[in-house]
Every structure is written in C-alpha cells, then in structure tokens.
Amino acid sequence: MKALKIFVLAAIAALSFIKAPPVLAQDTSRALSSESVIETIKKRGVLKVGLSTFVPWAMRDRNGDLIGFEVDVATRLAEDMGVEIEFVPTAWDGIIPALIAGKFDVIIGGMSITPARNLTINFTAPYGGASLGVMASVAASKDIEWPDGYNAPTVTFACRRGGTPCTYIQERFPQATLRQFDDESQVLQEVLNGNANAMVSSQPLPAFTIYENPETVFAPTDEAIQPTADGFALRKGDPDALNFFNNWILVNTGNGFLQDRHDYWFGGRPWADQIAQ
C-alpha cells in the first residue's frame, strides 16, 4: 500500500510537470507581446514613421506639409490603429540606423526589399513596388550611346546616397564618375543644370521630370531596370508587429486601398499643383 501511494504521488507530480509547459508558453507569449512596438504605439497613442522626401512617395506641399503615396499609406495605417501619426523625415543613408536606434517605429518610405538590408532589419510583405529609370542631360549626353558609352570616366552619374540606384550605377558603370547627394532634389538639379550626364532613380520621377523638361533632359533608355518590391521596415525580434503590418497590407490590398493610392500618385500628376516649387 505504501508503495502504491508513492507511485500515485509520483504520477501526479509527473502529470503536473507535463501540464506546466503550456502555462509557461502562455507566459512567454504574453511577455513577447508586451514587448512589441505595437503595444508601445498603442500606449503612446502615436505611430512614428520614418521616411525621406522623394517624389511622389513623400514631398512637401505649398504649405510645407507632407503629401504623397507613403503619407497616405501611413496615415491610413495610424487611423486603423486608432492613433495619431507622426512623420520623422530622415536622410536616406541614415534611415536604417535611425530605425534600429528607436527614433521611430517603422519605415514606410518606398524601401526596396533586398537581402543585404534584410540581414539588418525585417521587411513586411510587399505593399508597392517600382523600377529604376534613367534621365540624362540633353546638353551633356545627347551624343553618348546607351549603355556602353556611359561606362567611361568622362561620364558623371548622380544618385541619392544610400539608395539602390547608387549600387546599380557602381556595378553597371564602374568606369563612370559617381556623385552622391543626400536629397533627391539635388540629384535632379545636377542633371537639369548639366553638371552630371545622367541620374538613375526610381520611376516615375525620371519620367515625370522629362515630361516637364523635354528640351533639357531625355531618357537614353526605356528599359524598366531592376523591378523591385517595397516593404515596411521594422526592427528584428518583433513577430507581433510583423504579423500586424503584414495583415494590414493583406487587408488593404484586398479592399483596393493600396492600388487606388498607387494609381493616384504614380499614374499621372493630378497632384502637381499642390507641390512647393
């Protein structure tokens, strides 16, 4: 009888041990959830979004306010979360370090998903995309043949520092001179003023600029270079935030919101008169 009692007690203890992991798992899950940036945003009441100004993703209107595709996307996201929106304009070459340092919660700024970036940060599923285009100066480049003629030390390219166009130029035109700038407007002016032969940038910026300045700049090629997929960027180690943002993108792809906003900002220039000149 004593041996049976000992066996029963041991069995109960064993069963208790078997049941313990689910409780522990629930506690672990709650701990991970409480550490998510989603909880921080809800408690703060403000979604902080990092971006860089770049037509038509994000730009200043005549009143100095931010408008553009990314602005519409981030604003709708904040509304759906029931919080306010705060934009944190940041130089492109420093935007990933700023995200990691906690300067804002997420990057919604037309950032292409690349393996190199994904080693440092997490990306959501794509919510948009683009391809690179080329714009060249008529005065400086009209007699240069694309693409081989542009791979020469006498040819100067301009690009936005830290962007994929700079990497493309370095790999495709290693002999050319490359000038990098912190702001896309500086890149445009270099080519418009004839100080650089050409620029490479995400469409539709080259196409829009050529349309407005046909006597000054032209497209040496109509090739859609390196089509990309863009995702929200967030800090690693936050599965709750990744899940929420992915599902938000899924819902707003299905209901047509993302396509509608993309068509408005990229399909033409009905917003052109809103921009500060």
C-alpha atoms as a PDB file:
ATOM      1  CA  MET A   1       0.000   0.000   0.000  1.00  0.00           C
ATOM      2  CA  LYS A   2       2.800   2.370   0.849  1.00  0.00           C
ATOM      3  CA  ALA A   3       4.463   1.587  -2.476  1.00  0.00           C
ATOM      4  CA  LEU A   4       1.180   2.273  -4.327  1.00  0.00           C
ATOM      5  CA  LYS A   5       0.803   5.618  -2.539  1.00  0.00           C
ATOM      6  CA  ILE A   6       4.300   6.606  -3.543  1.00  0.00           C
ATOM      7  CA  PHE A   7       3.565   5.583  -7.166  1.00  0.00           C
ATOM      8  CA  VAL A   8       0.347   7.631  -7.287  1.00  0.00           C
ATOM      9  CA  LEU A   9       2.062  10.714  -5.873  1.00  0.00           C
ATOM     10  CA  ALA A  10       4.857  10.324  -8.378  1.00  0.00           C
ATOM     11  CA  ALA A  11       2.329  10.005 -11.222  1.00  0.00           C
ATOM     12  CA  ILE A  12       0.503  13.166 -10.124  1.00  0.00           C
ATOM     13  CA  ALA A  13       3.791  15.008  -9.969  1.00  0.00           C
ATOM     14  CA  ALA A  14       4.658  13.799 -13.452  1.00  0.00           C
ATOM     15  CA  LEU A  15       1.301  14.910 -14.861  1.00  0.00           C
ATOM     16  CA  SER A  16       1.727  18.300 -13.249  1.00  0.00           C
ATOM     17  CA  PHE A  17       5.094  18.595 -14.927  1.00  0.00           C
ATOM     18  CA  ILE A  18       3.604  17.648 -18.274  1.00  0.00           C
ATOM     19  CA  LYS A  19       0.929  20.338 -17.956  1.00  0.00           C
ATOM     20  CA  ALA A  20       3.414  23.043 -16.972  1.00  0.00           C
ATOM     21  CA  PRO A  21       4.866  23.867 -20.431  1.00  0.00           C
ATOM     22  CA  PRO A  22       1.592  25.292 -21.885  1.00  0.00           C
ATOM     23  CA  VAL A  23       1.343  27.695 -18.941  1.00  0.00           C
ATOM     24  CA  LEU A  24       4.966  28.621 -19.389  1.00  0.00           C
ATOM     25  CA  ALA A  25       4.383  29.039 -23.124  1.00  0.00           C
ATOM     26  CA  GLN A  26       1.441  31.365 -22.457  1.00  0.00           C
ATOM     27  CA  ASP A  27       3.513  33.443 -20.069  1.00  0.00           C
ATOM     28  CA  THR A  28       6.322  33.632 -22.624  1.00  0.00           C
ATOM     29  CA  SER A  29       3.867  34.612 -25.361  1.00  0.00           C
ATOM     30  CA  ARG A  30       2.387  37.390 -23.201  1.00  0.00           C
ATOM     31  CA  ALA A  31       5.878  38.655 -22.379  1.00  0.00           C
ATOM     32  CA  LEU A  32       6.853  38.768 -26.039  1.00  0.00           C
ATOM     33  CA  SER A  33       3.589  40.503 -26.950  1.00  0.00           C
ATOM     34  CA  SER A  34       4.051  43.163 -24.285  1.00  0.00           C
ATOM     35  CA  GLU A  35       7.475  43.993 -25.699  1.00  0.00           C
ATOM     36  CA  SER A  36       6.155  44.545 -29.235  1.00  0.00           C
ATOM     37  CA  VAL A  37       6.329  48.005 -30.759  1.00  0.00           C
ATOM     38  CA  ILE A  38       2.599  47.617 -31.383  1.00  0.00           C
ATOM     39  CA  GLU A  39       1.971  47.831 -27.644  1.00  0.00           C
ATOM     40  CA  THR A  40       4.291  50.835 -27.411  1.00  0.00           C
ATOM     41  CA  ILE A  41       2.360  52.602 -30.176  1.00  0.00           C
ATOM     42  CA  LYS A  42      -0.994  51.872 -28.515  1.00  0.00           C
ATOM     43  CA  LYS A  43       0.171  53.166 -25.136  1.00  0.00           C
ATOM     44  CA  ARG A  44       1.815  56.243 -26.652  1.00  0.00           C
ATOM     45  CA  GLY A  45      -1.159  56.967 -28.891  1.00  0.00           C
ATOM     46  CA  VAL A  46       1.148  57.907 -31.763  1.00  0.00           C
ATOM     47  CA  LEU A  47       2.616  55.952 -34.667  1.00  0.00           C
ATOM     48  CA  LYS A  48       6.088  57.305 -35.534  1.00  0.00           C
ATOM     49  CA  VAL A  49       7.040  56.721 -39.172  1.00  0.00           C
ATOM     50  CA  GLY A  50      10.475  57.254 -40.699  1.00  0.00           C
ATOM     51  CA  LEU A  51      10.686  58.400 -44.326  1.00  0.00           C
ATOM     52  CA  SER A  52      12.681  60.532 -46.748  1.00  0.00           C
ATOM     53  CA  THR A  53      11.257  63.099 -49.164  1.00  0.00           C
ATOM     54  CA  PHE A  54      11.103  61.641 -52.650  1.00  0.00           C
ATOM     55  CA  VAL A  55       8.571  62.449 -55.404  1.00  0.00           C
ATOM     56  CA  PRO A  56       5.892  61.072 -55.396  1.00  0.00           C
ATOM     57  CA  TRP A  57       6.451  58.919 -52.313  1.00  0.00           C
ATOM     58  CA  ALA A  58       6.695  61.823 -49.875  1.00  0.00           C
ATOM     59  CA  MET A  59       7.076  65.543 -50.631  1.00  0.00           C
ATOM     60  CA  ARG A  60       6.211  68.971 -49.283  1.00  0.00           C
ATOM     61  CA  ASP A  61       3.142  70.826 -50.492  1.00  0.00           C
ATOM     62  CA  ARG A  62       2.827  74.594 -50.726  1.00  0.00           C
ATOM     63  CA  ASN A  63       2.006  74.797 -47.021  1.00  0.00           C
ATOM     64  CA  GLY A  64       5.053  72.761 -46.045  1.00  0.00           C
ATOM     65  CA  ASP A  65       3.003  69.679 -45.176  1.00  0.00           C
ATOM     66  CA  LEU A  66       3.983  66.184 -46.283  1.00  0.00           C
ATOM     67  CA  ILE A  67       1.933  64.578 -49.052  1.00  0.00           C
ATOM     68  CA  GLY A  68       2.487  61.536 -51.242  1.00  0.00           C
ATOM     69  CA  PHE A  69       1.875  57.814 -51.532  1.00  0.00           C
ATOM     70  CA  GLU A  70       3.724  56.864 -48.350  1.00  0.00           C
ATOM     71  CA  VAL A  71       1.993  59.651 -46.436  1.00  0.00           C
ATOM     72  CA  ASP A  72      -1.418  58.301 -47.451  1.00  0.00           C
ATOM     73  CA  VAL A  73      -0.423  54.744 -46.537  1.00  0.00           C
ATOM     74  CA  ALA A  74       0.996  55.670 -43.121  1.00  0.00           C
ATOM     75  CA  THR A  75      -1.937  57.955 -42.307  1.00  0.00           C
ATOM     76  CA  ARG A  76      -4.456  55.197 -43.091  1.00  0.00           C
ATOM     77  CA  LEU A  77      -2.407  52.750 -41.006  1.00  0.00           C
ATOM     78  CA  ALA A  78      -2.497  55.094 -37.992  1.00  0.00           C
ATOM     79  CA  GLU A  79      -6.252  55.605 -38.412  1.00  0.00           C
ATOM     80  CA  ASP A  80      -6.805  51.846 -38.429  1.00  0.00           C
ATOM     81  CA  MET A  81      -4.723  51.557 -35.247  1.00  0.00           C
ATOM     82  CA  GLY A  82      -6.721  54.333 -33.591  1.00  0.00           C
ATOM     83  CA  VAL A  83      -3.650  56.508 -33.002  1.00  0.00           C
ATOM     84  CA  GLU A  84      -2.156  59.770 -34.257  1.00  0.00           C
ATOM     85  CA  ILE A  85       0.557  59.886 -36.925  1.00  0.00           C
ATOM     86  CA  GLU A  86       3.989  61.496 -36.593  1.00  0.00           C
ATOM     87  CA  PHE A  87       6.382  61.604 -39.540  1.00  0.00           C
ATOM     88  CA  VAL A  88      10.119  61.674 -38.884  1.00  0.00           C
ATOM     89  CA  PRO A  89      11.909  62.863 -42.058  1.00  0.00           C
ATOM     90  CA  THR A  90      15.362  61.296 -42.137  1.00  0.00           C
ATOM     91  CA  ALA A  91      18.273  61.276 -44.590  1.00  0.00           C
ATOM     92  CA  TRP A  92      18.089  58.079 -46.617  1.00  0.00           C
ATOM     93  CA  ASP A  93      21.619  56.882 -45.880  1.00  0.00           C
ATOM     94  CA  GLY A  94      20.902  57.095 -42.139  1.00  0.00           C
ATOM     95  CA  ILE A  95      17.320  55.841 -42.047  1.00  0.00           C
ATOM     96  CA  ILE A  96      18.082  52.208 -41.151  1.00  0.00           C
ATOM     97  CA  PRO A  97      20.443  53.136 -38.275  1.00  0.00           C
ATOM     98  CA  ALA A  98      17.768  55.567 -37.032  1.00  0.00           C
ATOM     99  CA  LEU A  99      15.155  52.785 -37.070  1.00  0.00           C
ATOM    100  CA  ILE A 100      17.438  50.445 -35.130  1.00  0.00           C
ATOM    101  CA  ALA A 101      18.166  53.232 -32.631  1.00  0.00           C
ATOM    102  CA  GLY A 102      14.435  53.605 -31.963  1.00  0.00           C
ATOM    103  CA  LYS A 103      13.984  57.076 -33.489  1.00  0.00           C
ATOM    104  CA  PHE A 104      10.690  55.849 -34.958  1.00  0.00           C
ATOM    105  CA  ASP A 105       8.593  52.675 -35.051  1.00  0.00           C
ATOM    106  CA  VAL A 106       8.684  51.706 -38.717  1.00  0.00           C
ATOM    107  CA  ILE A 107       9.998  52.866 -42.088  1.00  0.00           C
ATOM    108  CA  ILE A 108       7.268  53.438 -44.658  1.00  0.00           C
ATOM    109  CA  GLY A 109       9.273  55.102 -47.358  1.00  0.00           C
ATOM    110  CA  GLY A 110       9.454  53.107 -50.585  1.00  0.00           C
ATOM    111  CA  MET A 111      12.289  50.941 -49.278  1.00  0.00           C
ATOM    112  CA  SER A 112      13.123  48.097 -51.644  1.00  0.00           C
ATOM    113  CA  ILE A 113      13.391  44.663 -50.084  1.00  0.00           C
ATOM    114  CA  THR A 114      16.963  43.436 -50.530  1.00  0.00           C
ATOM    115  CA  PRO A 115      18.884  40.535 -48.948  1.00  0.00           C
ATOM    116  CA  ALA A 116      21.575  42.913 -47.679  1.00  0.00           C
ATOM    117  CA  ARG A 117      19.056  45.119 -45.859  1.00  0.00           C
ATOM    118  CA  ASN A 118      17.147  42.082 -44.610  1.00  0.00           C
ATOM    119  CA  LEU A 119      20.226  40.941 -42.696  1.00  0.00           C
ATOM    120  CA  THR A 120      19.853  44.035 -40.508  1.00  0.00           C
ATOM    121  CA  ILE A 121      16.100  44.696 -40.419  1.00  0.00           C
ATOM    122  CA  ASN A 122      12.846  42.839 -41.073  1.00  0.00           C
ATOM    123  CA  PHE A 123      10.547  43.528 -44.013  1.00  0.00           C
ATOM    124  CA  THR A 124       6.835  43.011 -44.353  1.00  0.00           C
ATOM    125  CA  ALA A 125       5.190  41.554 -47.409  1.00  0.00           C
ATOM    126  CA  PRO A 126       5.327  43.983 -50.365  1.00  0.00           C
ATOM    127  CA  TYR A 127       2.798  46.811 -50.409  1.00  0.00           C
ATOM    128  CA  GLY A 128       4.141  48.521 -53.539  1.00  0.00           C
ATOM    129  CA  GLY A 129       6.987  48.467 -55.991  1.00  0.00           C
ATOM    130  CA  ALA A 130       8.813  50.296 -58.731  1.00  0.00           C
ATOM    131  CA  SER A 131      11.651  50.021 -61.211  1.00  0.00           C
ATOM    132  CA  LEU A 132      14.631  52.231 -61.888  1.00  0.00           C
ATOM    133  CA  GLY A 133      14.695  54.692 -64.767  1.00  0.00           C
ATOM    134  CA  VAL A 134      17.383  56.860 -66.353  1.00  0.00           C
ATOM    135  CA  MET A 135      17.304  60.588 -67.065  1.00  0.00           C
ATOM    136  CA  ALA A 136      20.125  62.252 -68.982  1.00  0.00           C
ATOM    137  CA  SER A 137      21.103  65.817 -69.825  1.00  0.00           C
ATOM    138  CA  VAL A 138      20.480  66.777 -73.444  1.00  0.00           C
ATOM    139  CA  ALA A 139      23.410  69.227 -73.460  1.00  0.00           C
ATOM    140  CA  ALA A 140      25.878  66.827 -71.856  1.00  0.00           C
ATOM    141  CA  SER A 141      24.765  63.432 -73.125  1.00  0.00           C
ATOM    142  CA  LYS A 142      22.855  63.639 -76.405  1.00  0.00           C
ATOM    143  CA  ASP A 143      25.734  62.050 -78.368  1.00  0.00           C
ATOM    144  CA  ILE A 144      26.518  59.288 -75.849  1.00  0.00           C
ATOM    145  CA  GLU A 145      25.285  55.805 -76.741  1.00  0.00           C
ATOM    146  CA  TRP A 146      23.447  53.821 -74.065  1.00  0.00           C
ATOM    147  CA  PRO A 147      24.644  51.802 -72.272  1.00  0.00           C
ATOM    148  CA  ASP A 148      28.282  51.266 -73.263  1.00  0.00           C
ATOM    149  CA  GLY A 149      29.060  54.913 -73.874  1.00  0.00           C
ATOM    150  CA  TYR A 150      28.096  55.774 -70.284  1.00  0.00           C
ATOM    151  CA  ASN A 151      30.729  53.440 -68.818  1.00  0.00           C
ATOM    152  CA  ALA A 152      33.572  55.942 -69.089  1.00  0.00           C
ATOM    153  CA  PRO A 153      35.497  58.202 -66.675  1.00  0.00           C
ATOM    154  CA  THR A 154      34.274  61.234 -68.608  1.00  0.00           C
ATOM    155  CA  VAL A 155      30.651  60.425 -67.735  1.00  0.00           C
ATOM    156  CA  THR A 156      29.227  61.564 -64.390  1.00  0.00           C
ATOM    157  CA  PHE A 157      26.216  59.930 -62.762  1.00  0.00           C
ATOM    158  CA  ALA A 158      24.233  61.364 -59.848  1.00  0.00           C
ATOM    159  CA  CYS A 159      22.190  59.414 -57.306  1.00  0.00           C
ATOM    160  CA  ARG A 160      20.709  59.648 -53.816  1.00  0.00           C
ATOM    161  CA  ARG A 161      23.169  58.439 -51.213  1.00  0.00           C
ATOM    162  CA  GLY A 162      22.306  55.045 -49.712  1.00  0.00           C
ATOM    163  CA  GLY A 163      19.769  54.123 -52.411  1.00  0.00           C
ATOM    164  CA  THR A 164      19.726  51.106 -54.717  1.00  0.00           C
ATOM    165  CA  PRO A 165      20.372  53.319 -57.808  1.00  0.00           C
ATOM    166  CA  CYS A 166      23.861  54.085 -56.470  1.00  0.00           C
ATOM    167  CA  THR A 167      24.605  50.371 -56.184  1.00  0.00           C
ATOM    168  CA  TYR A 168      23.280  49.757 -59.690  1.00  0.00           C
ATOM    169  CA  ILE A 169      25.472  52.505 -61.168  1.00  0.00           C
ATOM    170  CA  GLN A 170      28.591  51.253 -59.387  1.00  0.00           C
ATOM    171  CA  GLU A 171      28.018  47.710 -60.630  1.00  0.00           C
ATOM    172  CA  ARG A 172      26.860  48.505 -64.178  1.00  0.00           C
ATOM    173  CA  PHE A 173      29.106  51.529 -64.909  1.00  0.00           C
ATOM    174  CA  PRO A 174      32.281  51.000 -62.853  1.00  0.00           C
ATOM    175  CA  GLN A 175      34.354  53.337 -65.026  1.00  0.00           C
ATOM    176  CA  ALA A 176      31.995  56.288 -64.667  1.00  0.00           C
ATOM    177  CA  THR A 177      32.265  59.029 -62.057  1.00  0.00           C
ATOM    178  CA  LEU A 178      29.590  58.825 -59.362  1.00  0.00           C
ATOM    179  CA  ARG A 179      28.365  61.798 -57.322  1.00  0.00           C
ATOM    180  CA  GLN A 180      26.073  61.051 -54.385  1.00  0.00           C
ATOM    181  CA  PHE A 181      23.708  63.500 -52.663  1.00  0.00           C
ATOM    182  CA  ASP A 182      21.563  63.352 -49.537  1.00  0.00           C
ATOM    183  CA  ASP A 183      18.450  64.724 -51.230  1.00  0.00           C
ATOM    184  CA  GLU A 184      16.781  63.679 -54.487  1.00  0.00           C
ATOM    185  CA  SER A 185      16.164  67.298 -55.474  1.00  0.00           C
ATOM    186  CA  GLN A 186      19.946  67.821 -55.548  1.00  0.00           C
ATOM    187  CA  VAL A 187      20.296  64.818 -57.833  1.00  0.00           C
ATOM    188  CA  LEU A 188      17.691  66.244 -60.211  1.00  0.00           C
ATOM    189  CA  GLN A 189      19.336  69.657 -60.314  1.00  0.00           C
ATOM    190  CA  GLU A 190      22.737  68.200 -61.146  1.00  0.00           C
ATOM    191  CA  VAL A 191      21.306  66.704 -64.341  1.00  0.00           C
ATOM    192  CA  LEU A 192      18.935  69.585 -65.153  1.00  0.00           C
ATOM    193  CA  ASN A 193      21.861  72.016 -64.865  1.00  0.00           C
ATOM    194  CA  GLY A 194      24.131  69.794 -66.970  1.00  0.00           C
ATOM    195  CA  ASN A 195      26.603  69.228 -64.121  1.00  0.00           C
ATOM    196  CA  ALA A 196      26.022  65.482 -64.380  1.00  0.00           C
ATOM    197  CA  ASN A 197      25.413  63.455 -67.516  1.00  0.00           C
ATOM    198  CA  ALA A 198      22.697  61.262 -66.062  1.00  0.00           C
ATOM    199  CA  MET A 199      20.868  60.090 -62.992  1.00  0.00           C
ATOM    200  CA  VAL A 200      19.296  56.769 -62.078  1.00  0.00           C
ATOM    201  CA  SER A 201      16.256  56.881 -59.827  1.00  0.00           C
ATOM    202  CA  SER A 202      13.025  55.053 -59.059  1.00  0.00           C
ATOM    203  CA  GLN A 203      10.264  55.664 -61.551  1.00  0.00           C
ATOM    204  CA  PRO A 204       8.151  57.676 -62.090  1.00  0.00           C
ATOM    205  CA  LEU A 205      10.452  60.546 -61.042  1.00  0.00           C
ATOM    206  CA  PRO A 206      12.672  60.405 -64.166  1.00  0.00           C
ATOM    207  CA  ALA A 207       9.633  60.121 -66.461  1.00  0.00           C
ATOM    208  CA  PHE A 208       7.795  62.991 -64.737  1.00  0.00           C
ATOM    209  CA  THR A 209      10.860  65.249 -64.901  1.00  0.00           C
ATOM    210  CA  ILE A 210      11.456  64.501 -68.588  1.00  0.00           C
ATOM    211  CA  TYR A 211       7.797  65.267 -69.318  1.00  0.00           C
ATOM    212  CA  GLU A 212       8.171  68.687 -67.674  1.00  0.00           C
ATOM    213  CA  ASN A 213      11.588  69.494 -69.209  1.00  0.00           C
ATOM    214  CA  PRO A 214      11.690  67.870 -72.684  1.00  0.00           C
ATOM    215  CA  GLU A 215      14.244  70.343 -74.055  1.00  0.00           C
ATOM    216  CA  THR A 216      16.637  69.833 -71.127  1.00  0.00           C
ATOM    217  CA  VAL A 217      16.557  66.119 -70.309  1.00  0.00           C
ATOM    218  CA  PHE A 218      15.708  62.857 -72.060  1.00  0.00           C
ATOM    219  CA  ALA A 219      15.551  59.108 -71.450  1.00  0.00           C
ATOM    220  CA  PRO A 220      18.517  57.302 -73.041  1.00  0.00           C
ATOM    221  CA  THR A 221      16.635  54.015 -72.485  1.00  0.00           C
ATOM    222  CA  ASP A 222      13.048  52.947 -71.839  1.00  0.00           C
ATOM    223  CA  GLU A 223      14.193  49.769 -70.063  1.00  0.00           C
ATOM    224  CA  ALA A 224      12.499  49.028 -66.728  1.00  0.00           C
ATOM    225  CA  ILE A 225      15.665  48.457 -64.700  1.00  0.00           C
ATOM    226  CA  GLN A 226      15.683  46.179 -61.656  1.00  0.00           C
ATOM    227  CA  PRO A 227      11.963  45.988 -60.780  1.00  0.00           C
ATOM    228  CA  THR A 228      11.658  45.959 -57.000  1.00  0.00           C
ATOM    229  CA  ALA A 229       9.178  45.159 -54.246  1.00  0.00           C
ATOM    230  CA  ASP A 230       8.833  47.635 -51.375  1.00  0.00           C
ATOM    231  CA  GLY A 231       8.007  46.683 -47.800  1.00  0.00           C
ATOM    232  CA  PHE A 232       7.588  48.318 -44.407  1.00  0.00           C
ATOM    233  CA  ALA A 233      10.874  48.008 -42.495  1.00  0.00           C
ATOM    234  CA  LEU A 234      10.954  47.289 -38.770  1.00  0.00           C
ATOM    235  CA  ARG A 235      13.378  46.177 -36.108  1.00  0.00           C
ATOM    236  CA  LYS A 236      14.170  42.490 -35.760  1.00  0.00           C
ATOM    237  CA  GLY A 237      12.774  40.360 -32.944  1.00  0.00           C
ATOM    238  CA  ASP A 238       9.175  41.617 -33.091  1.00  0.00           C
ATOM    239  CA  PRO A 239       6.867  38.898 -34.512  1.00  0.00           C
ATOM    240  CA  ASP A 240       3.698  40.668 -33.310  1.00  0.00           C
ATOM    241  CA  ALA A 241       4.478  43.835 -35.261  1.00  0.00           C
ATOM    242  CA  LEU A 242       5.448  41.853 -38.359  1.00  0.00           C
ATOM    243  CA  ASN A 243       2.184  39.911 -38.139  1.00  0.00           C
ATOM    244  CA  PHE A 244       0.065  43.050 -37.691  1.00  0.00           C
ATOM    245  CA  PHE A 245       1.685  45.000 -40.533  1.00  0.00           C
ATOM    246  CA  ASN A 246       1.533  42.002 -42.881  1.00  0.00           C
ATOM    247  CA  ASN A 247      -2.163  41.519 -42.195  1.00  0.00           C
ATOM    248  CA  TRP A 248      -2.836  45.251 -42.606  1.00  0.00           C
ATOM    249  CA  ILE A 249      -1.182  45.091 -46.037  1.00  0.00           C
ATOM    250  CA  LEU A 250      -3.203  41.969 -46.888  1.00  0.00           C
ATOM    251  CA  VAL A 251      -6.494  43.650 -45.954  1.00  0.00           C
ATOM    252  CA  ASN A 252      -5.721  46.898 -47.783  1.00  0.00           C
ATOM    253  CA  THR A 253      -4.566  45.066 -50.864  1.00  0.00           C
ATOM    254  CA  GLY A 254      -7.807  43.127 -50.908  1.00  0.00           C
ATOM    255  CA  ASN A 255     -10.048  46.172 -50.445  1.00  0.00           C
ATOM    256  CA  GLY A 256      -8.242  48.135 -53.170  1.00  0.00           C
ATOM    257  CA  PHE A 257      -6.935  50.973 -50.982  1.00  0.00           C
ATOM    258  CA  LEU A 258      -3.238  50.452 -51.790  1.00  0.00           C
ATOM    259  CA  GLN A 259      -3.881  50.127 -55.529  1.00  0.00           C
ATOM    260  CA  ASP A 260      -6.090  53.220 -55.540  1.00  0.00           C
ATOM    261  CA  ARG A 261      -3.453  55.336 -53.795  1.00  0.00           C
ATOM    262  CA  HIS A 262      -0.694  53.943 -56.025  1.00  0.00           C
ATOM    263  CA  ASP A 263      -2.667  54.759 -59.174  1.00  0.00           C
ATOM    264  CA  TYR A 264      -3.288  58.313 -57.945  1.00  0.00           C
ATOM    265  CA  TRP A 265       0.320  59.131 -57.127  1.00  0.00           C
ATOM    266  CA  PHE A 266       2.091  57.114 -59.843  1.00  0.00           C
ATOM    267  CA  GLY A 267      -0.396  57.024 -62.709  1.00  0.00           C
ATOM    268  CA  GLY A 268      -0.185  60.720 -63.548  1.00  0.00           C
ATOM    269  CA  ARG A 269       0.285  64.127 -61.972  1.00  0.00           C
ATOM    270  CA  PRO A 270      -3.141  65.361 -60.776  1.00  0.00           C
ATOM    271  CA  TRP A 271      -1.364  66.482 -57.606  1.00  0.00           C
ATOM    272  CA  ALA A 272       1.343  68.548 -59.347  1.00  0.00           C
ATOM    273  CA  ASP A 273      -0.166  71.934 -58.461  1.00  0.00           C
ATOM    274  CA  GLN A 274      -0.002  71.058 -54.743  1.00  0.00           C
ATOM    275  CA  ILE A 275       3.790  70.808 -54.655  1.00  0.00           C
ATOM    276  CA  ALA A 276       6.007  73.643 -53.498  1.00  0.00           C
ATOM    277  CA  GLN A 277       8.112  74.823 -56.413  1.00  0.00           C
END
